[in-house]
Protein backbone atom coordinates (compact mmCIF):
# COMPACT_ATOMS: atom_id res chain seq x y z
CA MET A 1 74.25 137.66 61.89
CA GLN A 2 71.68 140.11 63.26
CA ALA A 3 72.01 143.68 61.99
CA ILE A 4 72.87 146.64 64.20
CA ASN A 5 69.68 148.59 64.87
CA THR A 6 70.01 151.96 66.59
CA GLU A 7 66.24 152.42 66.32
CA ASN A 8 65.95 150.00 69.25
CA ILE A 9 67.53 152.58 71.58
CA THR A 10 65.17 153.83 74.28
CA ILE A 11 65.40 156.40 77.05
CA ASP A 12 64.15 154.82 80.29
CA LYS A 13 63.14 157.20 83.06
CA LEU A 14 63.96 155.88 86.54
CA SER A 15 61.37 155.97 89.26
CA ILE A 16 63.18 155.17 92.50
CA PRO A 17 62.22 156.54 95.95
CA LEU A 18 65.78 157.89 96.44
CA LEU A 19 65.44 160.10 93.36
CA LYS A 20 62.12 161.51 94.44
CA ARG A 21 63.48 162.17 97.92
CA LYS A 22 66.58 163.95 96.60
CA LYS A 23 64.69 165.70 93.77
CA VAL A 24 67.07 164.44 91.10
CA ASN A 25 65.90 163.13 87.73
CA VAL A 26 67.67 160.20 86.06
CA ASP A 27 67.19 158.76 82.56
CA VAL A 28 69.07 155.79 81.10
CA LEU A 29 70.05 155.78 77.42
CA ARG A 30 69.66 152.09 76.55
CA LEU A 31 72.42 151.52 74.00
CA ASP A 32 72.45 147.87 75.10
CA LYS A 33 69.42 147.28 72.87
CA ILE A 34 71.09 147.82 69.48
CA HIS A 35 72.65 144.36 69.17
CA PRO A 36 73.25 141.37 71.49
CA LEU A 37 77.02 141.33 70.84
CA ILE A 38 77.79 144.83 69.53
CA SER A 39 75.82 146.43 72.31
CA GLY A 40 76.20 149.77 73.97
CA ASN A 41 78.97 152.15 73.03
CA LYS A 42 81.06 149.63 71.06
CA TRP A 43 79.48 150.25 67.66
CA PHE A 44 79.76 154.00 68.10
CA LYS A 45 83.46 153.85 69.04
CA LEU A 46 84.30 151.51 66.15
CA ARG A 47 82.17 152.95 63.35
CA TYR A 48 84.65 155.50 61.95
CA TYR A 49 87.59 153.12 62.20
CA ILE A 50 85.70 150.52 60.18
CA GLU A 51 84.70 153.18 57.68
CA GLU A 52 88.34 154.26 57.25
CA ALA A 53 89.52 150.65 56.90
CA LYS A 54 87.02 150.15 54.08
CA GLN A 55 88.19 153.37 52.39
CA GLN A 56 91.77 152.06 52.56
CA ASN A 57 90.65 148.73 51.08
CA LYS A 58 91.85 146.88 54.17
CA LYS A 59 90.41 143.37 54.49
CA THR A 60 91.63 142.65 58.04
CA ILE A 61 91.10 144.47 61.35
CA LEU A 62 93.59 143.93 64.18
CA THR A 63 92.92 145.07 67.73
CA PHE A 64 93.79 144.41 71.38
CA GLY A 65 91.98 143.30 74.54
CA GLY A 66 91.76 140.99 77.52
CA ALA A 67 89.92 137.73 78.09
CA TRP A 68 86.63 139.48 78.88
CA SER A 69 86.95 142.41 76.50
CA ASN A 70 83.63 143.69 75.15
CA HIS A 71 85.68 145.52 72.54
CA ILE A 72 87.23 142.28 71.25
CA LEU A 73 83.83 140.61 70.89
CA ALA A 74 82.23 143.66 69.28
CA THR A 75 85.09 143.94 66.78
CA ALA A 76 84.73 140.28 65.86
CA ALA A 77 80.98 140.68 65.36
CA ILE A 78 81.26 143.89 63.32
CA CYS A 79 83.89 142.31 61.09
CA LYS A 80 81.59 139.34 60.55
CA ILE A 81 78.80 141.68 59.46
CA LYS A 82 81.08 143.82 57.29
CA GLN A 83 82.78 140.75 55.75
CA LEU A 84 86.21 141.62 57.12
CA HIS A 85 88.78 139.34 58.73
CA SER A 86 89.54 140.04 62.39
CA ILE A 87 92.58 139.46 64.59
CA GLY A 88 92.60 139.84 68.37
CA ILE A 89 95.86 140.31 70.30
CA ILE A 90 94.96 139.01 73.75
CA ARG A 91 96.67 139.97 77.02
CA GLY A 92 98.20 137.03 78.92
CA GLU A 93 98.67 133.32 78.31
CA GLU A 94 95.95 131.26 76.65
CA ALA A 95 93.79 129.56 79.26
CA GLU A 96 92.90 125.88 78.94
CA ASP A 97 89.27 126.95 78.66
CA LEU A 98 88.63 130.16 76.77
CA SER A 99 86.42 132.76 78.41
CA TYR A 100 82.85 133.02 77.16
CA THR A 101 83.75 136.29 75.43
CA LEU A 102 86.79 134.88 73.59
CA SER A 103 84.90 131.71 72.67
CA LEU A 104 82.22 133.82 70.99
CA ALA A 105 84.83 135.96 69.23
CA LYS A 106 86.52 132.82 67.90
CA GLU A 107 83.19 131.41 66.71
CA LEU A 108 82.69 134.66 64.79
CA GLY A 109 85.95 134.02 62.96
CA MET A 110 88.40 136.13 64.95
CA GLN A 111 91.96 134.81 64.94
CA LEU A 112 93.35 135.04 68.48
CA PHE A 113 96.99 135.59 69.45
CA PHE A 114 98.00 135.47 73.11
CA ILE A 115 101.03 137.45 74.24
CA SER A 116 102.70 138.09 77.60
CA ARG A 117 101.52 140.99 79.73
CA ASN A 118 104.85 142.76 79.19
CA ASP A 119 104.59 142.41 75.41
CA TYR A 120 100.96 143.49 75.61
CA GLN A 121 101.90 146.64 77.51
CA GLU A 122 104.21 147.51 74.61
CA LYS A 123 101.53 146.43 72.12
CA LYS A 124 103.94 144.09 70.34
CA ILE A 125 102.56 142.37 67.25
CA PRO A 126 103.45 138.65 66.98
CA SER A 127 106.04 137.93 64.27
CA ALA A 128 103.58 135.48 62.67
CA LEU A 129 101.68 138.55 61.45
CA ASP A 130 104.67 140.27 59.83
CA ASN A 131 103.34 139.74 56.32
CA THR A 132 99.70 140.49 57.12
CA ASP A 133 98.12 143.66 55.73
CA TYR A 134 95.81 144.90 58.47
CA TYR A 135 94.12 148.01 59.83
CA GLN A 136 95.00 148.47 63.50
CA ILE A 137 92.58 149.73 66.16
CA ALA A 138 93.78 150.54 69.66
CA GLU A 139 92.45 148.76 72.75
CA GLY A 140 88.89 149.86 73.51
CA GLY A 141 88.76 151.89 70.31
CA PHE A 142 90.87 154.60 71.98
CA GLY A 143 91.74 157.51 69.71
CA LYS A 144 90.27 160.61 68.12
CA GLN A 145 88.13 158.62 65.69
CA GLY A 146 86.81 156.50 68.55
CA ALA A 147 85.90 159.67 70.44
CA ALA A 148 84.29 161.16 67.32
CA GLY A 149 82.15 158.06 66.98
CA ALA A 150 81.25 158.11 70.67
CA ALA A 151 80.09 161.71 70.31
CA THR A 152 77.31 160.48 68.01
CA ILE A 153 75.80 158.56 70.95
CA LEU A 154 74.19 161.81 72.02
CA ASP A 155 72.38 162.11 68.68
CA HIS A 156 69.93 159.61 70.19
CA CYS A 157 68.60 161.90 72.91
CA LYS A 158 67.69 165.55 73.49
CA ILE A 159 70.99 166.48 75.04
CA GLU A 160 69.74 169.91 76.10
CA ASN A 161 67.44 168.21 78.64
CA TYR A 162 70.35 167.15 80.86
CA SER A 163 72.73 168.84 83.28
CA HIS A 164 75.01 165.80 83.61
CA ILE A 165 75.94 163.01 81.20
CA CYS A 166 77.21 159.98 83.18
CA CYS A 167 79.18 157.01 81.90
CA ALA A 168 81.49 154.22 82.97
CA ALA A 169 85.09 154.64 81.81
CA GLY A 170 87.85 152.20 80.91
CA THR A 171 90.03 153.81 78.25
CA GLY A 172 88.07 157.07 78.55
CA THR A 173 87.20 157.12 74.84
CA MET A 174 83.45 157.42 75.35
CA ALA A 175 83.86 160.17 77.95
CA ALA A 176 86.05 162.08 75.49
CA GLY A 177 83.37 161.74 72.83
CA LEU A 178 80.60 162.90 75.13
CA LEU A 179 82.68 165.93 76.08
CA ARG A 180 82.83 166.94 72.41
CA LYS A 181 79.06 167.18 72.22
CA ILE A 182 78.01 168.94 75.42
CA SER A 183 77.52 172.65 76.03
CA PRO A 184 79.74 174.71 78.37
CA THR A 185 77.09 174.50 81.10
CA GLN A 186 76.89 170.69 81.09
CA GLN A 187 79.09 168.12 82.81
CA VAL A 188 80.36 164.67 81.93
CA VAL A 189 80.71 162.45 84.99
CA ALA A 190 82.89 159.39 84.27
CA ILE A 191 83.09 156.49 86.73
CA SER A 192 86.45 154.78 86.34
CA VAL A 193 86.25 150.98 86.48
CA LEU A 194 90.04 150.71 86.77
CA LYS A 195 91.99 150.76 90.03
CA ASN A 196 94.58 153.52 90.39
CA TYR A 197 94.26 154.76 86.80
CA LEU A 198 94.65 158.30 88.08
CA GLU A 199 95.95 159.62 84.76
CA MET A 200 92.60 159.00 83.04
CA GLU A 201 91.79 162.71 82.96
CA GLU A 202 95.04 163.43 81.11
CA THR A 203 94.38 160.55 78.71
CA ILE A 204 90.91 161.87 77.91
CA LYS A 205 92.27 165.34 77.25
CA LYS A 206 94.54 163.91 74.53
CA ILE A 207 91.58 163.05 72.32
CA THR A 208 89.19 165.92 72.99
CA ASP A 209 89.38 169.69 72.81
CA LYS A 210 86.86 170.47 75.54
CA PRO A 211 88.02 172.19 78.75
CA GLU A 212 88.74 170.07 81.81
CA ARG A 213 86.14 171.92 83.87
CA ASN A 214 83.37 170.05 82.02
CA LEU A 215 84.72 166.66 83.14
CA THR A 216 84.69 164.84 86.47
CA VAL A 217 86.31 161.40 86.81
CA ASN A 218 85.39 159.52 89.99
CA HIS A 219 87.92 156.84 90.99
CA ASN A 220 86.10 155.52 94.07
CA TYR A 221 83.83 152.85 92.59
CA HIS A 222 86.11 150.31 90.89
CA PHE A 223 85.28 147.53 93.42
CA GLY A 224 88.83 146.21 93.33
CA GLY A 225 89.73 146.93 89.72
CA TYR A 226 88.81 146.05 86.16
CA ALA A 227 86.36 143.10 85.98
CA LYS A 228 86.55 142.77 89.77
CA HIS A 229 83.45 142.75 91.91
CA LYS A 230 82.27 142.46 95.50
CA PRO A 231 79.01 141.15 97.00
CA ALA A 232 77.73 144.69 97.53
CA LEU A 233 77.93 145.37 93.79
CA LEU A 234 76.11 142.18 92.80
CA GLU A 235 73.43 142.80 95.43
CA PHE A 236 72.96 146.30 94.08
CA MET A 237 72.64 145.03 90.50
CA ASN A 238 69.82 142.68 91.55
CA GLU A 239 68.08 145.41 93.54
CA PHE A 240 68.47 147.88 90.66
CA PHE A 241 66.91 145.37 88.27
CA ASN A 242 64.01 144.82 90.68
CA GLN A 243 63.41 148.57 90.80
CA THR A 244 63.93 149.42 87.13
CA SER A 245 63.87 146.21 85.02
CA ILE A 246 67.24 147.33 83.60
CA PRO A 247 69.99 144.68 83.53
CA THR A 248 73.55 145.81 84.16
CA ASP A 249 76.97 144.14 83.96
CA PHE A 250 79.53 143.93 86.76
CA VAL A 251 82.42 145.32 84.67
CA TYR A 252 80.95 148.67 83.63
CA THR A 253 77.28 149.54 83.98
CA GLY A 254 76.74 148.00 87.41
CA LYS A 255 79.55 150.15 88.78
CA LEU A 256 78.18 153.21 86.97
CA CYS A 257 74.69 152.83 88.39
CA TYR A 258 75.96 152.00 91.88
CA ALA A 259 78.21 155.06 91.85
CA ILE A 260 75.57 157.49 90.61
CA MET A 261 72.96 156.29 93.11
CA ASP A 262 75.49 156.55 95.93
CA MET A 263 76.56 160.03 94.81
CA ILE A 264 72.90 161.10 94.74
CA LYS A 265 72.47 159.73 98.25
CA GLU A 266 75.49 161.75 99.38
CA ASN A 267 74.06 164.95 97.81
CA TYR A 268 76.74 165.23 95.12
CA PHE A 269 74.10 166.42 92.64
CA SER A 270 72.02 169.47 93.53
CA GLU A 271 68.21 169.41 93.62
CA GLY A 272 66.71 169.68 90.14
CA SER A 273 69.68 168.05 88.41
CA ASN A 274 68.80 166.07 85.29
CA LEU A 275 71.11 163.10 84.71
CA LEU A 276 71.51 160.91 81.64
CA LEU A 277 73.23 157.56 82.28
CA ILE A 278 74.76 155.86 79.24
CA HIS A 279 74.07 152.12 79.28
CA SER A 280 77.15 150.83 77.46
CA GLY A 281 76.02 147.22 77.10
CA GLY A 282 78.47 144.37 77.72
CA LEU A 283 75.89 142.18 79.40
CA GLN A 284 77.48 139.00 78.05
CA GLY A 285 80.28 139.52 80.59
CA ASN A 286 77.91 138.36 83.32
CA ALA A 287 78.25 134.83 81.92
CA SER A 288 81.41 134.41 84.00
CA LEU A 289 79.38 134.62 87.23
CA SER A 290 78.00 131.54 88.93
CA LYS A 291 74.47 130.63 87.93
CA ARG A 292 71.74 132.30 89.98
CA THR A 293 74.13 135.05 91.16
CA LEU A 294 72.00 137.51 89.23
CA ILE A 295 68.21 137.41 88.88
CA PHE A 296 68.23 138.54 85.22
């Protein structure tokens, strides 16, 4: 198994006519380069949980996710590297053909348990695991330790160079972590990839101590909901790659980049703003799309 290498992280400056016209600067923090399976923010959100599990002499990690969960796959891969057992509690009935993400997780040794959506909402643990000694991590790495780990993402850039730190948001854990690190004059702009998750701001506040005024959550770019997409999004992802050579995924980073470019077009950011976009990886999710849908 390939090692996690944060030295591969780069900061890619975008050169797009729109940005020059609007006099807004945009850099992309390429966390997707650290590992093919534990890419983006996943390692950062999980690192302190794994550290604590080791301190408690736990040999098994249990966590939750859906069929296309980047978090599930990253947990399986990290456990493989750290020589830990992994268990995934998966939302919904087991499909006849596992998703690409779950197939990879299983190949990495993760034991999968499928539970009903109602049971999943209550985070019920299957009775078959009653006698298993495990360390439990919430879906998406949500929690104060996940946020603390996500805060270390900004150790890989000169944070003082930016007026806005922009990220995609599912559980809101990464946004909470970024908030911990910024100064009072900076803003975190989170693009929600979930439909009608209007309580995200309140959820983020539970795991961070920064004032709400430093956070903006935009709920207008979910494209139908989690892991949903529309032709306009896929067309944008191809165009964005043509312009920047940066691949994105349709679950998180495609929506982030689409949203930020659209907000720039609509003059949301003032002239002279300096934006940092967090590329949170998850590119393997594109495997669910038909071949030749994307050009990368």
